[in-house]
């Protein structure tokens, strides 16, 4: 649940501080120490606590965090209206699959509210890449994640800020709460949102029964935005 905070901060350079903590986490990513004061879990918890503390204050929440965003395992973006900023970071759990955590901050005038985008599926483990503004002042978010079996996926959600919370729209993608596009990891295809036509398009893949691999069908799915929803 989003929370507010008003704390006295000990540094005027949160960008460098946060980057140093995450770099320390990267160095200790294989250190599952029983003494949590030395292990990776305590380091990433400090990173999240410090990030939340800074983002809860508007003067820091509005920073661009260029140094932190330069880390290849971290992605930060701000919506075009400058109100929504989402941070995602790789938890570095090893292997070819990646699990991400995220935190958003909503900034309006003298107020900054933080929270995490949580769902009942693996979208909470995705890296949020971008949010397009829609005509009803909601956001079409695009997130990336990985699966086993040589596949990865992109997830699109329709997020709205209401009553001090960031809500995920229900049944807004052809009857589903979200759109998940799964593809071979070797393919560079991804869902494309066209702001002019207000459509989402992506090439279709289908799993072959004999091999179990995803293969392109040659068809393209197009969803059109109307009345607050995307439908075929």
Protein backbone atom coordinates (compact mmCIF):
# COMPACT_ATOMS: atom_id res chain seq x y z
CA UNK A 1 0.00 0.00 0.00
CA UNK A 2 1.41 3.44 -0.85
CA UNK A 3 2.81 5.31 2.10
CA UNK A 4 3.98 8.80 2.88
CA UNK A 5 7.06 9.69 4.83
CA UNK A 6 8.65 12.82 6.18
CA UNK A 7 12.12 12.11 7.42
CA UNK A 8 15.29 14.11 7.85
CA UNK A 9 17.78 12.89 5.27
CA UNK A 10 21.49 12.65 5.94
CA UNK A 11 22.84 13.44 2.48
CA UNK A 12 22.14 15.84 -0.35
CA UNK A 13 23.33 13.38 -3.02
CA UNK A 14 20.84 10.47 -3.07
CA UNK A 15 21.80 9.48 -6.62
CA UNK A 16 25.38 8.59 -5.68
CA UNK A 17 24.39 7.04 -2.37
CA UNK A 18 21.81 4.73 -3.94
CA UNK A 19 24.17 3.73 -6.75
CA UNK A 20 26.90 2.87 -4.24
CA UNK A 21 24.51 0.69 -2.24
CA UNK A 22 23.31 -1.17 -5.34
CA UNK A 23 26.87 -1.65 -6.58
CA UNK A 24 27.68 -3.15 -3.18
CA UNK A 25 24.70 -5.46 -3.63
CA UNK A 26 26.05 -6.50 -7.04
CA UNK A 27 29.41 -7.32 -5.51
CA UNK A 28 27.77 -9.41 -2.77
CA UNK A 29 25.05 -10.98 -4.94
CA UNK A 30 26.36 -14.50 -4.22
CA UNK A 31 26.81 -13.87 -0.51
CA UNK A 32 23.88 -15.56 1.24
CA UNK A 33 25.40 -14.97 4.67
CA UNK A 34 23.63 -16.25 7.75
CA UNK A 35 24.67 -13.01 9.40
CA UNK A 36 22.24 -10.69 7.63
CA UNK A 37 24.36 -7.65 8.48
CA UNK A 38 26.83 -8.92 5.87
CA UNK A 39 24.60 -10.71 3.37
CA UNK A 40 23.01 -9.59 0.13
CA UNK A 41 19.52 -9.49 1.65
CA UNK A 42 20.43 -6.79 4.13
CA UNK A 43 22.13 -4.71 1.42
CA UNK A 44 19.15 -4.76 -0.97
CA UNK A 45 16.81 -4.01 1.95
CA UNK A 46 18.89 -0.94 2.74
CA UNK A 47 18.72 0.10 -0.91
CA UNK A 48 14.92 -0.15 -0.91
CA UNK A 49 14.60 1.66 2.42
CA UNK A 50 16.83 4.53 1.33
CA UNK A 51 15.08 4.79 -2.04
CA UNK A 52 11.69 5.00 -0.37
CA UNK A 53 12.92 7.60 2.10
CA UNK A 54 14.20 9.88 -0.66
CA UNK A 55 11.26 9.42 -3.00
CA UNK A 56 8.85 10.31 -0.20
CA UNK A 57 10.11 13.89 -0.35
CA UNK A 58 9.25 15.95 -3.46
CA UNK A 59 12.60 17.76 -3.66
CA UNK A 60 14.33 14.42 -4.15
CA UNK A 61 11.55 12.59 -6.00
CA UNK A 62 11.81 15.07 -8.86
CA UNK A 63 15.52 14.37 -9.47
CA UNK A 64 16.49 12.53 -12.66
CA UNK A 65 18.80 9.99 -10.89
CA UNK A 66 21.13 9.84 -13.90
CA UNK A 67 23.90 7.94 -12.12
CA UNK A 68 21.54 5.27 -10.80
CA UNK A 69 19.83 4.94 -14.17
CA UNK A 70 23.20 4.40 -15.85
CA UNK A 71 23.52 1.02 -14.15
CA UNK A 72 22.49 -1.67 -16.71
CA UNK A 73 20.52 -3.55 -14.04
CA UNK A 74 18.37 -0.54 -13.13
CA UNK A 75 15.79 1.31 -15.18
CA UNK A 76 14.07 4.57 -14.26
CA UNK A 77 11.58 6.55 -16.30
CA UNK A 78 9.27 9.50 -15.80
CA UNK A 79 5.89 9.94 -17.49
CA UNK A 80 5.47 12.81 -19.94
CA UNK A 81 3.37 14.76 -17.45
CA UNK A 82 6.20 14.45 -14.89
CA UNK A 83 3.83 13.03 -12.25
CA UNK A 84 4.72 9.33 -12.32
CA UNK A 85 8.23 7.93 -11.94
CA UNK A 86 8.92 4.18 -11.78
CA UNK A 87 12.15 2.56 -10.61
CA UNK A 88 12.92 -1.10 -11.44
CA UNK A 89 16.01 -3.07 -10.40
CA UNK A 90 17.28 -6.57 -11.03
CA UNK A 91 17.45 -8.75 -7.91
CA UNK A 92 20.36 -10.65 -9.49
CA UNK A 93 19.15 -14.11 -8.61
CA UNK A 94 21.52 -15.69 -11.15
CA UNK A 95 20.73 -17.72 -14.25
CA UNK A 96 19.24 -16.49 -17.51
CA UNK A 97 15.92 -15.58 -15.86
CA UNK A 98 15.67 -12.19 -14.20
CA UNK A 99 13.47 -11.11 -11.30
CA UNK A 100 12.91 -7.41 -10.79
CA UNK A 101 11.51 -5.33 -7.98
CA UNK A 102 9.98 -1.92 -8.50
CA UNK A 103 8.90 1.24 -6.76
CA UNK A 104 6.85 4.14 -8.05
CA UNK A 105 6.54 7.69 -6.85
CA UNK A 106 3.65 10.00 -7.65
CA UNK A 107 4.60 13.66 -7.44
CA UNK A 108 2.09 16.48 -7.44
CA UNK A 109 2.96 19.93 -6.17
CA UNK A 110 4.27 19.52 -2.60
CA UNK A 111 3.30 15.86 -2.23
CA UNK A 112 5.16 12.66 -3.06
CA UNK A 113 3.63 9.21 -2.50
CA UNK A 114 5.53 5.95 -2.99
CA UNK A 115 4.39 2.37 -3.51
CA UNK A 116 5.00 -0.85 -5.42
CA UNK A 117 3.09 -2.12 -8.44
CA UNK A 118 1.88 -5.51 -7.27
CA UNK A 119 -0.21 -8.10 -9.09
CA UNK A 120 -1.31 -11.67 -8.57
CA UNK A 121 1.10 -12.98 -11.20
CA UNK A 122 4.67 -12.55 -12.39
CA UNK A 123 4.23 -8.98 -13.62
CA UNK A 124 5.46 -7.86 -10.20
CA UNK A 125 8.82 -9.37 -11.25
CA UNK A 126 9.08 -7.29 -14.41
CA UNK A 127 11.21 -4.30 -15.32
CA UNK A 128 8.99 -1.32 -16.17
CA UNK A 129 10.30 0.40 -19.28
CA UNK A 130 7.87 3.16 -20.22
CA UNK A 131 4.40 4.60 -19.66
CA UNK A 132 2.40 6.22 -22.44
CA UNK A 133 -0.27 8.74 -21.53
CA UNK A 134 -3.78 7.87 -22.66
CA UNK A 135 -6.66 10.28 -23.42
CA UNK A 136 -8.35 9.65 -20.05
CA UNK A 137 -5.16 10.67 -18.17
CA UNK A 138 -4.28 7.07 -17.36
CA UNK A 139 -1.00 5.41 -18.36
CA UNK A 140 -0.25 2.48 -20.64
CA UNK A 141 2.78 0.87 -19.00
CA UNK A 142 5.20 -1.46 -20.78
CA UNK A 143 7.23 -3.93 -18.72
CA UNK A 144 9.74 -6.65 -19.60
CA UNK A 145 10.39 -10.01 -17.97
CA UNK A 146 11.98 -13.39 -18.61
CA UNK A 147 10.70 -16.96 -18.51
CA UNK A 148 12.31 -20.36 -18.68
CA UNK A 149 12.50 -22.36 -21.89
CA UNK A 150 14.21 -19.62 -23.90
CA UNK A 151 11.28 -17.20 -23.80
CA UNK A 152 10.70 -13.72 -22.46
CA UNK A 153 7.64 -11.48 -22.33
CA UNK A 154 6.31 -7.95 -22.36
CA UNK A 155 3.37 -6.91 -20.20
CA UNK A 156 1.11 -3.94 -20.82
CA UNK A 157 -1.13 -2.52 -18.09
CA UNK A 158 -3.46 0.45 -17.88
CA UNK A 159 -2.61 2.31 -14.69
CA UNK A 160 -4.67 5.11 -13.14
CA UNK A 161 -4.03 7.35 -10.16
CA UNK A 162 -7.11 7.51 -7.95
CA UNK A 163 -7.60 8.22 -4.25
CA UNK A 164 -3.86 8.26 -3.54
CA UNK A 165 -3.34 4.82 -5.15
CA UNK A 166 -2.06 3.52 -8.49
CA UNK A 167 -4.73 1.16 -9.82
CA UNK A 168 -4.44 -1.52 -12.49
CA UNK A 169 -7.46 -1.43 -14.82
CA UNK A 170 -9.71 -4.50 -14.85
CA UNK A 171 -10.63 -6.19 -18.17
CA UNK A 172 -9.05 -3.40 -20.22
CA UNK A 173 -7.26 -5.61 -22.79
CA UNK A 174 -9.81 -7.53 -24.77
CA UNK A 175 -11.42 -8.68 -21.54
CA UNK A 176 -8.18 -9.27 -19.61
CA UNK A 177 -6.64 -7.15 -16.84
CA UNK A 178 -3.35 -6.97 -18.73
CA UNK A 179 -1.77 -7.92 -22.03
CA UNK A 180 1.14 -10.36 -21.83
CA UNK A 181 3.11 -10.93 -25.00
CA UNK A 182 5.36 -13.99 -24.85
CA UNK A 183 7.99 -14.60 -27.52
CA UNK A 184 11.30 -16.42 -28.12
CA UNK A 185 14.11 -14.64 -26.35
CA UNK A 186 16.06 -14.60 -29.59
CA UNK A 187 13.38 -12.47 -31.26
CA UNK A 188 13.58 -8.68 -30.96
CA UNK A 189 9.84 -8.15 -31.50
CA UNK A 190 7.78 -6.33 -28.89
CA UNK A 191 4.34 -4.68 -28.60
CA UNK A 192 4.23 -1.27 -30.28
CA UNK A 193 1.86 1.47 -29.17
CA UNK A 194 0.93 4.02 -31.83
CA UNK A 195 -0.19 7.22 -30.10
CA UNK A 196 -1.75 8.60 -33.28
CA UNK A 197 -3.99 5.62 -34.09
CA UNK A 198 -4.17 4.60 -30.40
CA UNK A 199 -3.43 0.98 -31.24
CA UNK A 200 -1.21 -1.77 -29.85
CA UNK A 201 0.26 -4.16 -32.42
CA UNK A 202 2.54 -7.18 -32.22
CA UNK A 203 3.41 -10.24 -34.36
CA UNK A 204 1.80 -13.49 -33.24
CA UNK A 205 3.65 -16.61 -32.07
CA UNK A 206 2.33 -20.13 -31.57
CA UNK A 207 3.90 -23.09 -29.80
CA UNK A 208 4.68 -26.04 -32.07
CA UNK A 209 3.40 -29.32 -30.66
CA UNK A 210 6.37 -31.34 -31.92
CA UNK A 211 9.17 -29.10 -30.66
CA UNK A 212 7.47 -27.06 -27.97
CA UNK A 213 9.09 -23.92 -29.34
CA UNK A 214 7.31 -20.69 -30.26
CA UNK A 215 7.19 -19.99 -33.98
CA UNK A 216 5.84 -16.91 -35.81
CA UNK A 217 2.44 -17.38 -37.45
CA UNK A 218 2.90 -14.49 -39.86
CA UNK A 219 -0.14 -12.70 -38.44
CA UNK A 220 -0.24 -9.45 -36.47
CA UNK A 221 -2.59 -8.71 -33.58
CA UNK A 222 -3.95 -5.17 -33.33
CA UNK A 223 -5.85 -3.79 -30.35
CA UNK A 224 -7.65 -0.44 -30.69
CA UNK A 225 -8.24 1.95 -27.80
CA UNK A 226 -11.82 3.16 -27.35
CA UNK A 227 -13.91 4.05 -24.30
CA UNK A 228 -11.01 3.40 -21.93
CA UNK A 229 -10.23 -0.11 -23.22
CA UNK A 230 -8.18 -1.91 -25.87
CA UNK A 231 -10.11 -4.39 -28.02
CA UNK A 232 -9.55 -6.28 -31.27
